[in-house]
PDB file of N, CA and C in Angstrom:
ATOM      1  N   UNK A   1      37.806 -32.852  42.926  1.00  0.00           N
ATOM      2  CA  UNK A   1      36.904 -33.653  43.374  1.00  0.00           C
ATOM      3  C   UNK A   1      36.074 -33.182  44.294  1.00  0.00           C
ATOM      4  N   UNK A   2      34.842 -32.897  44.709  1.00  0.00           N
ATOM      5  CA  UNK A   2      34.232 -32.409  45.783  1.00  0.00           C
ATOM      6  C   UNK A   2      32.894 -33.422  46.194  1.00  0.00           C
ATOM      7  N   UNK A   3      33.065 -33.858  47.375  1.00  0.00           N
ATOM      8  CA  UNK A   3      32.321 -34.730  47.901  1.00  0.00           C
ATOM      9  C   UNK A   3      30.821 -34.006  48.837  1.00  0.00           C
ATOM     10  N   UNK A   4      29.727 -34.456  48.407  1.00  0.00           N
ATOM     11  CA  UNK A   4      28.762 -33.573  49.451  1.00  0.00           C
ATOM     12  C   UNK A   4      28.778 -34.324  50.673  1.00  0.00           C
ATOM     13  N   UNK A   5      28.374 -33.547  51.526  1.00  0.00           N
ATOM     14  CA  UNK A   5      28.481 -33.929  53.265  1.00  0.00           C
ATOM     15  C   UNK A   5      27.422 -33.072  53.816  1.00  0.00           C
ATOM     16  N   UNK A   6      27.001 -33.291  54.918  1.00  0.00           N
ATOM     17  CA  UNK A   6      26.021 -32.614  55.763  1.00  0.00           C
ATOM     18  C   UNK A   6      25.058 -33.780  56.680  1.00  0.00           C
ATOM     19  N   UNK A   7      24.123 -33.354  57.756  1.00  0.00           N
ATOM     20  CA  UNK A   7      23.399 -34.397  58.230  1.00  0.00           C
ATOM     21  C   UNK A   7      22.643 -35.368  56.975  1.00  0.00           C
ATOM     22  N   UNK A   8      22.827 -36.574  57.305  1.00  0.00           N
ATOM     23  CA  UNK A   8      22.262 -37.609  56.633  1.00  0.00           C
ATOM     24  C   UNK A   8      22.756 -37.650  55.285  1.00  0.00           C
ATOM     25  N   UNK A   9      23.870 -37.476  55.076  1.00  0.00           N
ATOM     26  CA  UNK A   9      24.380 -37.465  53.498  1.00  0.00           C
ATOM     27  C   UNK A   9      25.669 -38.289  53.619  1.00  0.00           C
ATOM     28  N   UNK A  10      25.564 -39.491  53.027  1.00  0.00           N
ATOM     29  CA  UNK A  10      26.948 -40.122  52.956  1.00  0.00           C
ATOM     30  C   UNK A  10      27.319 -40.462  51.489  1.00  0.00           C
ATOM     31  N   UNK A  11      28.707 -40.365  51.286  1.00  0.00           N
ATOM     32  CA  UNK A  11      29.312 -40.798  50.064  1.00  0.00           C
ATOM     33  C   UNK A  11      30.426 -41.633  50.149  1.00  0.00           C
ATOM     34  N   UNK A  12      29.960 -42.632  49.690  1.00  0.00           N
ATOM     35  CA  UNK A  12      31.086 -43.943  49.502  1.00  0.00           C
ATOM     36  C   UNK A  12      31.938 -43.757  48.210  1.00  0.00           C
ATOM     37  N   UNK A  13      32.961 -43.765  48.198  1.00  0.00           N
ATOM     38  CA  UNK A  13      33.878 -43.911  47.194  1.00  0.00           C
ATOM     39  C   UNK A  13      35.339 -44.184  47.241  1.00  0.00           C
ATOM     40  N   UNK A  14      36.077 -44.715  46.119  1.00  0.00           N
ATOM     41  CA  UNK A  14      37.483 -45.062  46.311  1.00  0.00           C
ATOM     42  C   UNK A  14      38.258 -43.856  45.853  1.00  0.00           C
ATOM     43  N   UNK A  15      37.509 -42.825  45.617  1.00  0.00           N
ATOM     44  CA  UNK A  15      38.315 -41.578  45.000  1.00  0.00           C
ATOM     45  C   UNK A  15      38.831 -40.678  46.424  1.00  0.00           C
ATOM     46  N   UNK A  16      39.918 -40.010  46.193  1.00  0.00           N
ATOM     47  CA  UNK A  16      40.385 -39.286  46.965  1.00  0.00           C
ATOM     48  C   UNK A  16      40.947 -38.024  46.044  1.00  0.00           C
ATOM     49  N   UNK A  17      41.022 -36.704  46.630  1.00  0.00           N
ATOM     50  CA  UNK A  17      41.620 -35.691  46.337  1.00  0.00           C
ATOM     51  C   UNK A  17      43.152 -35.761  45.333  1.00  0.00           C
ATOM     52  N   UNK A  18      43.090 -35.532  44.214  1.00  0.00           N
ATOM     53  CA  UNK A  18      44.218 -35.742  43.343  1.00  0.00           C
ATOM     54  C   UNK A  18      44.360 -37.167  42.950  1.00  0.00           C
ATOM     55  N   UNK A  19      43.126 -37.895  43.045  1.00  0.00           N
ATOM     56  CA  UNK A  19      43.123 -39.216  42.375  1.00  0.00           C
ATOM     57  C   UNK A  19      43.199 -39.098  40.880  1.00  0.00           C
ATOM     58  N   UNK A  20      43.919 -39.692  39.951  1.00  0.00           N
ATOM     59  CA  UNK A  20      43.570 -39.888  38.550  1.00  0.00           C
ATOM     60  C   UNK A  20      42.855 -41.092  38.420  1.00  0.00           C
ATOM     61  N   UNK A  21      41.907 -40.650  37.753  1.00  0.00           N
ATOM     62  CA  UNK A  21      40.960 -41.914  37.229  1.00  0.00           C
ATOM     63  C   UNK A  21      41.680 -42.665  36.032  1.00  0.00           C
ATOM     64  N   UNK A  22      41.874 -43.908  35.859  1.00  0.00           N
ATOM     65  CA  UNK A  22      42.589 -44.406  34.772  1.00  0.00           C
ATOM     66  C   UNK A  22      41.879 -44.461  33.484  1.00  0.00           C
ATOM     67  N   UNK A  23      42.176 -44.519  32.362  1.00  0.00           N
ATOM     68  CA  UNK A  23      41.090 -44.584  31.178  1.00  0.00           C
ATOM     69  C   UNK A  23      40.257 -45.956  31.195  1.00  0.00           C
ATOM     70  N   UNK A  24      40.435 -47.102  31.771  1.00  0.00           N
ATOM     71  CA  UNK A  24      39.647 -48.205  31.892  1.00  0.00           C
ATOM     72  C   UNK A  24      39.219 -48.310  33.467  1.00  0.00           C
ATOM     73  N   UNK A  25      38.289 -47.494  33.770  1.00  0.00           N
ATOM     74  CA  UNK A  25      37.783 -47.745  35.230  1.00  0.00           C
ATOM     75  C   UNK A  25      36.601 -48.180  35.351  1.00  0.00           C
ATOM     76  N   UNK A  26      35.969 -48.386  36.468  1.00  0.00           N
ATOM     77  CA  UNK A  26      35.032 -48.950  36.972  1.00  0.00           C
ATOM     78  C   UNK A  26      34.015 -47.584  36.772  1.00  0.00           C
ATOM     79  N   UNK A  27      32.867 -47.622  36.167  1.00  0.00           N
ATOM     80  CA  UNK A  27      32.046 -46.538  36.265  1.00  0.00           C
ATOM     81  C   UNK A  27      31.261 -46.241  37.445  1.00  0.00           C
ATOM     82  N   UNK A  28      31.731 -47.099  38.614  1.00  0.00           N
ATOM     83  CA  UNK A  28      30.835 -46.582  39.836  1.00  0.00           C
ATOM     84  C   UNK A  28      32.054 -45.803  40.518  1.00  0.00           C
ATOM     85  N   UNK A  29      32.025 -44.597  40.373  1.00  0.00           N
ATOM     86  CA  UNK A  29      33.250 -43.804  40.933  1.00  0.00           C
ATOM     87  C   UNK A  29      32.800 -43.473  42.383  1.00  0.00           C
ATOM     88  N   UNK A  30      31.653 -43.248  42.776  1.00  0.00           N
ATOM     89  CA  UNK A  30      30.963 -42.946  44.225  1.00  0.00           C
ATOM     90  C   UNK A  30      29.424 -43.300  44.038  1.00  0.00           C
ATOM     91  N   UNK A  31      29.077 -43.720  45.192  1.00  0.00           N
ATOM     92  CA  UNK A  31      27.875 -43.945  45.600  1.00  0.00           C
ATOM     93  C   UNK A  31      27.182 -42.841  46.656  1.00  0.00           C
ATOM     94  N   UNK A  32      26.447 -42.327  46.195  1.00  0.00           N
ATOM     95  CA  UNK A  32      25.552 -41.083  47.323  1.00  0.00           C
ATOM     96  C   UNK A  32      24.317 -41.615  47.932  1.00  0.00           C
ATOM     97  N   UNK A  33      24.403 -41.893  49.299  1.00  0.00           N
ATOM     98  CA  UNK A  33      23.319 -42.100  50.199  1.00  0.00           C
ATOM     99  C   UNK A  33      22.603 -41.082  51.151  1.00  0.00           C
ATOM    100  N   UNK A  34      21.336 -40.747  50.756  1.00  0.00           N
ATOM    101  CA  UNK A  34      20.639 -39.794  51.492  1.00  0.00           C
ATOM    102  C   UNK A  34      19.762 -40.282  52.510  1.00  0.00           C
ATOM    103  N   UNK A  35      19.313 -39.668  53.522  1.00  0.00           N
ATOM    104  CA  UNK A  35      18.131 -40.103  54.207  1.00  0.00           C
ATOM    105  C   UNK A  35      17.382 -38.816  54.477  1.00  0.00           C
ATOM    106  N   UNK A  36      15.936 -38.844  54.692  1.00  0.00           N
ATOM    107  CA  UNK A  36      15.276 -37.875  55.089  1.00  0.00           C
ATOM    108  C   UNK A  36      14.067 -38.819  55.900  1.00  0.00           C
ATOM    109  N   UNK A  37      13.387 -37.599  56.624  1.00  0.00           N
ATOM    110  CA  UNK A  37      12.339 -38.476  57.678  1.00  0.00           C
ATOM    111  C   UNK A  37      11.180 -38.384  56.865  1.00  0.00           C
ATOM    112  N   UNK A  38      11.300 -37.849  55.715  1.00  0.00           N
ATOM    113  CA  UNK A  38       9.944 -38.354  54.667  1.00  0.00           C
ATOM    114  C   UNK A  38      10.525 -38.154  53.266  1.00  0.00           C
ATOM    115  N   UNK A  39       9.831 -38.408  52.363  1.00  0.00           N
ATOM    116  CA  UNK A  39      10.239 -38.463  50.881  1.00  0.00           C
ATOM    117  C   UNK A  39      10.797 -36.949  50.372  1.00  0.00           C
ATOM    118  N   UNK A  40      10.045 -36.073  50.930  1.00  0.00           N
ATOM    119  CA  UNK A  40      10.233 -34.808  50.506  1.00  0.00           C
ATOM    120  C   UNK A  40      11.454 -34.331  51.118  1.00  0.00           C
ATOM    121  N   UNK A  41      11.811 -34.532  52.433  1.00  0.00           N
ATOM    122  CA  UNK A  41      13.074 -34.147  53.101  1.00  0.00           C
ATOM    123  C   UNK A  41      14.470 -34.899  52.603  1.00  0.00           C
ATOM    124  N   UNK A  42      14.010 -36.205  51.945  1.00  0.00           N
ATOM    125  CA  UNK A  42      15.162 -36.944  51.368  1.00  0.00           C
ATOM    126  C   UNK A  42      15.510 -36.327  50.109  1.00  0.00           C
ATOM    127  N   UNK A  43      14.357 -36.073  49.359  1.00  0.00           N
ATOM    128  CA  UNK A  43      14.584 -35.472  48.015  1.00  0.00           C
ATOM    129  C   UNK A  43      15.235 -34.012  48.159  1.00  0.00           C
ATOM    130  N   UNK A  44      14.908 -33.147  48.935  1.00  0.00           N
ATOM    131  CA  UNK A  44      15.754 -31.879  49.268  1.00  0.00           C
ATOM    132  C   UNK A  44      17.123 -32.103  49.370  1.00  0.00           C
ATOM    133  N   UNK A  45      17.644 -33.001  50.629  1.00  0.00           N
ATOM    134  CA  UNK A  45      18.833 -33.199  50.942  1.00  0.00           C
ATOM    135  C   UNK A  45      19.643 -33.878  49.469  1.00  0.00           C
ATOM    136  N   UNK A  46      18.797 -34.551  48.727  1.00  0.00           N
ATOM    137  CA  UNK A  46      19.583 -35.297  47.585  1.00  0.00           C
ATOM    138  C   UNK A  46      19.624 -34.148  46.481  1.00  0.00           C
ATOM    139  N   UNK A  47      18.872 -33.089  46.280  1.00  0.00           N
ATOM    140  CA  UNK A  47      19.320 -32.064  45.170  1.00  0.00           C
ATOM    141  C   UNK A  47      20.307 -31.185  45.747  1.00  0.00           C
ATOM    142  N   UNK A  48      20.547 -31.236  47.256  1.00  0.00           N
ATOM    143  CA  UNK A  48      21.611 -30.342  47.743  1.00  0.00           C
ATOM    144  C   UNK A  48      22.943 -31.105  47.477  1.00  0.00           C
ATOM    145  N   UNK A  49      22.919 -32.551  47.870  1.00  0.00           N
ATOM    146  CA  UNK A  49      24.034 -33.086  47.762  1.00  0.00           C
ATOM    147  C   UNK A  49      24.487 -33.168  46.272  1.00  0.00           C
ATOM    148  N   UNK A  50      23.571 -33.538  45.169  1.00  0.00           N
ATOM    149  CA  UNK A  50      23.852 -33.619  43.994  1.00  0.00           C
ATOM    150  C   UNK A  50      24.394 -32.043  43.595  1.00  0.00           C
ATOM    151  N   UNK A  51      24.102 -30.847  44.233  1.00  0.00           N
ATOM    152  CA  UNK A  51      24.588 -29.388  43.637  1.00  0.00           C
ATOM    153  C   UNK A  51      26.036 -29.558  44.036  1.00  0.00           C
ATOM    154  N   UNK A  52      26.304 -30.140  45.146  1.00  0.00           N
ATOM    155  CA  UNK A  52      27.568 -30.138  45.939  1.00  0.00           C
ATOM    156  C   UNK A  52      28.794 -31.052  45.245  1.00  0.00           C
ATOM    157  N   UNK A  53      28.221 -32.021  44.665  1.00  0.00           N
ATOM    158  CA  UNK A  53      28.928 -33.093  44.150  1.00  0.00           C
ATOM    159  C   UNK A  53      29.882 -33.094  43.041  1.00  0.00           C
ATOM    160  N   UNK A  54      30.908 -32.905  42.599  1.00  0.00           N
ATOM    161  CA  UNK A  54      31.473 -32.707  41.388  1.00  0.00           C
ATOM    162  C   UNK A  54      32.932 -33.294  41.393  1.00  0.00           C
ATOM    163  N   UNK A  55      32.817 -33.903  40.268  1.00  0.00           N
ATOM    164  CA  UNK A  55      34.169 -34.677  39.802  1.00  0.00           C
ATOM    165  C   UNK A  55      34.656 -34.248  38.241  1.00  0.00           C
ATOM    166  N   UNK A  56      35.877 -33.826  38.246  1.00  0.00           N
ATOM    167  CA  UNK A  56      36.242 -33.215  36.846  1.00  0.00           C
ATOM    168  C   UNK A  56      37.059 -34.211  36.154  1.00  0.00           C
ATOM    169  N   UNK A  57      37.017 -34.362  35.312  1.00  0.00           N
ATOM    170  CA  UNK A  57      37.801 -35.119  33.895  1.00  0.00           C
ATOM    171  C   UNK A  57      36.907 -36.131  33.463  1.00  0.00           C
ATOM    172  N   UNK A  58      36.029 -36.917  34.242  1.00  0.00           N
ATOM    173  CA  UNK A  58      35.164 -37.672  33.567  1.00  0.00           C
ATOM    174  C   UNK A  58      33.840 -37.419  33.461  1.00  0.00           C
ATOM    175  N   UNK A  59      32.808 -37.861  32.772  1.00  0.00           N
ATOM    176  CA  UNK A  59      31.545 -37.791  32.808  1.00  0.00           C
ATOM    177  C   UNK A  59      30.954 -38.385  33.918  1.00  0.00           C
ATOM    178  N   UNK A  60      29.723 -37.791  34.909  1.00  0.00           N
ATOM    179  CA  UNK A  60      29.124 -38.515  35.788  1.00  0.00           C
ATOM    180  C   UNK A  60      27.745 -38.765  35.355  1.00  0.00           C
ATOM    181  N   UNK A  61      26.926 -39.388  35.963  1.00  0.00           N
ATOM    182  CA  UNK A  61      25.614 -39.338  36.103  1.00  0.00           C
ATOM    183  C   UNK A  61      24.420 -38.320  36.905  1.00  0.00           C
ATOM    184  N   UNK A  62      25.601 -37.379  37.775  1.00  0.00           N
ATOM    185  CA  UNK A  62      24.818 -36.551  38.604  1.00  0.00           C
ATOM    186  C   UNK A  62      23.761 -35.722  37.746  1.00  0.00           C
ATOM    187  N   UNK A  63      24.150 -35.385  36.676  1.00  0.00           N
ATOM    188  CA  UNK A  63      22.863 -34.489  36.319  1.00  0.00           C
ATOM    189  C   UNK A  63      21.797 -35.108  35.617  1.00  0.00           C
ATOM    190  N   UNK A  64      22.134 -36.404  35.216  1.00  0.00           N
ATOM    191  CA  UNK A  64      20.672 -37.215  35.263  1.00  0.00           C
ATOM    192  C   UNK A  64      20.055 -37.341  36.551  1.00  0.00           C
ATOM    193  N   UNK A  65      20.884 -37.707  37.613  1.00  0.00           N
ATOM    194  CA  UNK A  65      19.906 -38.091  38.896  1.00  0.00           C
ATOM    195  C   UNK A  65      19.234 -36.621  39.347  1.00  0.00           C
ATOM    196  N   UNK A  66      19.877 -35.473  38.960  1.00  0.00           N
ATOM    197  CA  UNK A  66      19.411 -34.169  39.557  1.00  0.00           C
ATOM    198  C   UNK A  66      18.135 -34.068  38.515  1.00  0.00           C
ATOM    199  N   UNK A  67      17.904 -34.473  37.379  1.00  0.00           N
ATOM    200  CA  UNK A  67      16.887 -34.320  36.321  1.00  0.00           C
ATOM    201  C   UNK A  67      15.651 -35.117  36.873  1.00  0.00           C
ATOM    202  N   UNK A  68      16.293 -36.636  37.341  1.00  0.00           N
ATOM    203  CA  UNK A  68      14.810 -37.140  37.951  1.00  0.00           C
ATOM    204  C   UNK A  68      14.433 -36.707  39.099  1.00  0.00           C
ATOM    205  N   UNK A  69      15.165 -36.038  40.131  1.00  0.00           N
ATOM    206  CA  UNK A  69      14.771 -35.754  41.366  1.00  0.00           C
ATOM    207  C   UNK A  69      13.503 -34.774  41.078  1.00  0.00           C
ATOM    208  N   UNK A  70      13.462 -33.846  39.897  1.00  0.00           N
ATOM    209  CA  UNK A  70      12.581 -32.942  39.451  1.00  0.00           C
ATOM    210  C   UNK A  70      11.469 -33.412  38.803  1.00  0.00           C
ATOM    211  N   UNK A  71      11.370 -34.673  38.494  1.00  0.00           N
ATOM    212  CA  UNK A  71      10.134 -35.352  37.925  1.00  0.00           C
ATOM    213  C   UNK A  71       9.075 -35.260  38.758  1.00  0.00           C
ATOM    214  N   UNK A  72       8.036 -35.255  38.513  1.00  0.00           N
ATOM    215  CA  UNK A  72       6.582 -35.460  39.489  1.00  0.00           C
ATOM    216  C   UNK A  72       6.564 -36.685  39.811  1.00  0.00           C
ATOM    217  N   UNK A  73       6.467 -37.885  39.043  1.00  0.00           N
ATOM    218  CA  UNK A  73       6.409 -39.070  39.004  1.00  0.00           C
ATOM    219  C   UNK A  73       7.306 -39.619  39.876  1.00  0.00           C
ATOM    220  N   UNK A  74       8.547 -39.288  39.819  1.00  0.00           N
ATOM    221  CA  UNK A  74       9.680 -39.597  40.833  1.00  0.00           C
ATOM    222  C   UNK A  74       9.419 -39.136  42.394  1.00  0.00           C
ATOM    223  N   UNK A  75       9.149 -37.675  42.702  1.00  0.00           N
ATOM    224  CA  UNK A  75       8.727 -37.138  43.839  1.00  0.00           C
ATOM    225  C   UNK A  75       7.754 -38.179  44.259  1.00  0.00           C
ATOM    226  N   UNK A  76       6.617 -38.377  43.408  1.00  0.00           N
ATOM    227  CA  UNK A  76       5.441 -39.402  43.879  1.00  0.00           C
ATOM    228  C   UNK A  76       5.717 -40.743  44.330  1.00  0.00           C
ATOM    229  N   UNK A  77       7.029 -41.234  43.910  1.00  0.00           N
ATOM    230  CA  UNK A  77       7.152 -42.713  43.852  1.00  0.00           C
ATOM    231  C   UNK A  77       6.441 -43.384  43.062  1.00  0.00           C
ATOM    232  N   UNK A  78       6.027 -43.141  41.692  1.00  0.00           N
ATOM    233  CA  UNK A  78       5.071 -43.823  41.132  1.00  0.00           C
ATOM    234  C   UNK A  78       6.070 -44.134  39.803  1.00  0.00           C
ATOM    235  N   UNK A  79       6.914 -45.151  39.831  1.00  0.00           N
ATOM    236  CA  UNK A  79       7.412 -45.654  38.659  1.00  0.00           C
ATOM    237  C   UNK A  79       7.812 -46.920  38.964  1.00  0.00           C
ATOM    238  N   UNK A  80       8.296 -48.093  38.094  1.00  0.00           N
ATOM    239  CA  UNK A  80       8.505 -49.065  38.193  1.00  0.00           C
ATOM    240  C   UNK A  80       9.754 -49.684  37.309  1.00  0.00           C
ATOM    241  N   UNK A  81      10.211 -50.848  37.091  1.00  0.00           N
ATOM    242  CA  UNK A  81      11.432 -51.111  36.523  1.00  0.00           C
ATOM    243  C   UNK A  81      11.772 -50.784  35.152  1.00  0.00           C
ATOM    244  N   UNK A  82      10.928 -50.300  34.494  1.00  0.00           N
ATOM    245  CA  UNK A  82      10.866 -49.964  33.113  1.00  0.00           C
ATOM    246  C   UNK A  82      10.818 -48.358  32.913  1.00  0.00           C
ATOM    247  N   UNK A  83      10.712 -47.604  34.104  1.00  0.00           N
ATOM    248  CA  UNK A  83      10.297 -46.426  33.906  1.00  0.00           C
ATOM    249  C   UNK A  83      11.414 -45.336  33.397  1.00  0.00           C
ATOM    250  N   UNK A  84      12.639 -45.785  34.240  1.00  0.00           N
ATOM    251  CA  UNK A  84      13.771 -45.075  33.495  1.00  0.00           C
ATOM    252  C   UNK A  84      14.053 -45.010  32.055  1.00  0.00           C
ATOM    253  N   UNK A  85      14.205 -46.276  31.408  1.00  0.00           N
ATOM    254  CA  UNK A  85      14.285 -46.586  30.103  1.00  0.00           C
ATOM    255  C   UNK A  85      13.094 -45.625  29.367  1.00  0.00           C
ATOM    256  N   UNK A  86      11.941 -45.682  29.603  1.00  0.00           N
ATOM    257  CA  UNK A  86      10.900 -45.003  28.967  1.00  0.00           C
ATOM    258  C   UNK A  86      10.885 -43.548  29.147  1.00  0.00           C
ATOM    259  N   UNK A  87      11.421 -42.931  30.094  1.00  0.00           N
ATOM    260  CA  UNK A  87      11.819 -41.687  30.658  1.00  0.00           C
ATOM    261  C   UNK A  87      13.149 -41.017  29.670  1.00  0.00           C
ATOM    262  N   UNK A  88      14.076 -41.844  29.303  1.00  0.00           N
ATOM    263  CA  UNK A  88      15.182 -41.718  28.743  1.00  0.00           C
ATOM    264  C   UNK A  88      14.740 -41.507  27.008  1.00  0.00           C
ATOM    265  N   UNK A  89      14.086 -42.421  26.632  1.00  0.00           N
ATOM    266  CA  UNK A  89      13.594 -42.472  25.405  1.00  0.00           C
ATOM    267  C   UNK A  89      12.640 -41.174  25.219  1.00  0.00           C
ATOM    268  N   UNK A  90      11.916 -40.817  26.141  1.00  0.00           N
ATOM    269  CA  UNK A  90      10.938 -39.645  25.759  1.00  0.00           C
ATOM    270  C   UNK A  90      12.027 -38.284  25.852  1.00  0.00           C
ATOM    271  N   UNK A  91      13.096 -38.246  26.914  1.00  0.00           N
ATOM    272  CA  UNK A  91      13.875 -37.230  26.900  1.00  0.00           C
ATOM    273  C   UNK A  91      14.724 -37.093  25.577  1.00  0.00           C
ATOM    274  N   UNK A  92      15.044 -38.269  24.963  1.00  0.00           N
ATOM    275  CA  UNK A  92      16.118 -38.393  23.787  1.00  0.00           C
ATOM    276  C   UNK A  92      15.117 -37.693  22.481  1.00  0.00           C
ATOM    277  N   UNK A  93      13.858 -38.171  22.633  1.00  0.00           N
ATOM    278  CA  UNK A  93      12.939 -37.788  21.666  1.00  0.00           C
ATOM    279  C   UNK A  93      12.527 -36.285  21.832  1.00  0.00           C
ATOM    280  N   UNK A  94      12.854 -35.761  22.946  1.00  0.00           N
ATOM    281  CA  UNK A  94      12.520 -34.069  23.363  1.00  0.00           C
ATOM    282  C   UNK A  94      11.051 -34.151  23.452  1.00  0.00           C
ATOM    283  N   UNK A  95      10.397 -34.918  23.986  1.00  0.00           N
ATOM    284  CA  UNK A  95       8.853 -34.657  24.024  1.00  0.00           C
ATOM    285  C   UNK A  95       8.540 -34.858  25.796  1.00  0.00           C
TER     286      UNK A  95
END
């Protein structure tokens, strides 16, 4: 496990180095919180933090969040409560 760090980056987790994640685990392994003076700065810090974040042995949603950060509508804060589901449906359809 490698947790991101740096200015205005916080990672809350119950994991520690050498922790074994049991087969029946809470899917919230860690929570990444990033702040920036504006949205663009927060997005840059988020990208960097997600690139640094690594957990071996179990799948994580880090790749999903990294992909979201590259979406123009996400960068522009143009989304609603159904956007993620719509985006996932579009991604699965390959369009």
